[in-house]
Amino acid sequence: MKRMVGIALIAVGVIGIVWGGITYVKDRDTVDLGLAEVTVTEHDSVPIPPIASAIALIAGSVLLFTGRRQTA
């Protein structure tokens, strides 16, 4: 479980550092005009601050590497 959370945090950290956030597209309204269908799409983004990206990257690395140790 720690490894999966660690990998997810590393992925979020890398995305935040490289792209500055996560962008997604959602369909707002669809109108059926008989022969044609009109759809309005909206582009939204979730900005990730660089400091939060760095913290997520460090925390993910710590979880990933400490999760490998097993006590004897």
Protein backbone atom coordinates (compact mmCIF):
# COMPACT_ATOMS: atom_id res chain seq x y z
CA MET A 1 0.00 0.00 0.00
CA LYS A 2 2.86 2.37 0.79
CA ARG A 3 4.39 1.71 -2.61
CA MET A 4 1.18 2.63 -4.46
CA VAL A 5 0.77 5.88 -2.51
CA GLY A 6 4.45 6.65 -3.04
CA ILE A 7 4.19 6.10 -6.80
CA ALA A 8 1.05 8.27 -6.97
CA LEU A 9 2.76 11.09 -5.06
CA ILE A 10 5.81 10.88 -7.31
CA ALA A 11 3.57 11.05 -10.39
CA VAL A 12 1.71 14.10 -9.05
CA GLY A 13 5.03 15.76 -8.18
CA VAL A 14 6.50 15.18 -11.63
CA ILE A 15 3.32 16.40 -13.35
CA GLY A 16 3.32 19.52 -11.18
CA ILE A 17 6.96 20.30 -11.88
CA VAL A 18 6.93 19.54 -15.62
CA TRP A 19 3.49 20.84 -16.66
CA GLY A 20 2.55 23.06 -13.73
CA GLY A 21 -0.78 21.32 -13.19
CA ILE A 22 -3.37 18.93 -14.52
CA THR A 23 -5.59 19.94 -17.46
CA TYR A 24 -8.81 18.15 -18.30
CA VAL A 25 -11.71 18.58 -20.74
CA LYS A 26 -15.37 18.19 -19.90
CA ASP A 27 -18.47 18.39 -22.09
CA ARG A 28 -20.80 21.11 -20.85
CA ASP A 29 -23.91 21.20 -23.03
CA THR A 30 -25.15 19.02 -25.85
CA VAL A 31 -27.94 20.24 -28.13
CA ASP A 32 -29.54 17.92 -30.67
CA LEU A 33 -30.70 19.90 -33.70
CA GLY A 34 -32.05 16.98 -35.68
CA LEU A 35 -29.36 16.51 -38.32
CA ALA A 36 -26.57 17.99 -36.23
CA GLU A 37 -25.50 17.74 -32.62
CA VAL A 38 -23.68 20.65 -30.98
CA THR A 39 -21.49 20.05 -27.94
CA VAL A 40 -19.70 22.71 -25.91
CA THR A 41 -16.45 21.55 -24.35
CA GLU A 42 -14.73 23.35 -21.53
CA HIS A 43 -11.03 23.12 -20.75
CA ASP A 44 -10.28 23.34 -17.04
CA SER A 45 -7.01 23.04 -15.19
CA VAL A 46 -5.93 22.39 -11.65
CA PRO A 47 -2.70 24.30 -10.98
CA ILE A 48 -0.13 22.63 -8.73
CA PRO A 49 2.32 25.04 -7.07
CA PRO A 50 6.01 24.13 -7.49
CA ILE A 51 6.55 23.88 -3.73
CA ALA A 52 3.67 21.40 -3.39
CA SER A 53 5.09 19.41 -6.32
CA ALA A 54 8.48 19.21 -4.65
CA ILE A 55 6.92 18.15 -1.33
CA ALA A 56 4.85 15.46 -3.09
CA LEU A 57 7.93 14.22 -4.94
CA ILE A 58 9.99 14.00 -1.74
CA ALA A 59 7.18 12.38 0.27
CA GLY A 60 6.55 9.85 -2.51
CA SER A 61 10.24 8.97 -2.66
CA VAL A 62 10.38 8.50 1.10
CA LEU A 63 7.31 6.24 1.06
CA LEU A 64 8.61 4.26 -1.90
CA PHE A 65 12.06 3.62 -0.42
CA THR A 66 10.97 3.00 3.16
CA GLY A 67 8.28 0.62 1.95
CA ARG A 68 10.93 -1.72 0.59
CA ARG A 69 12.55 -2.32 3.96
CA GLN A 70 11.29 -5.29 5.87
CA THR A 71 11.93 -5.89 9.53
CA ALA A 72 13.54 -9.18 10.50
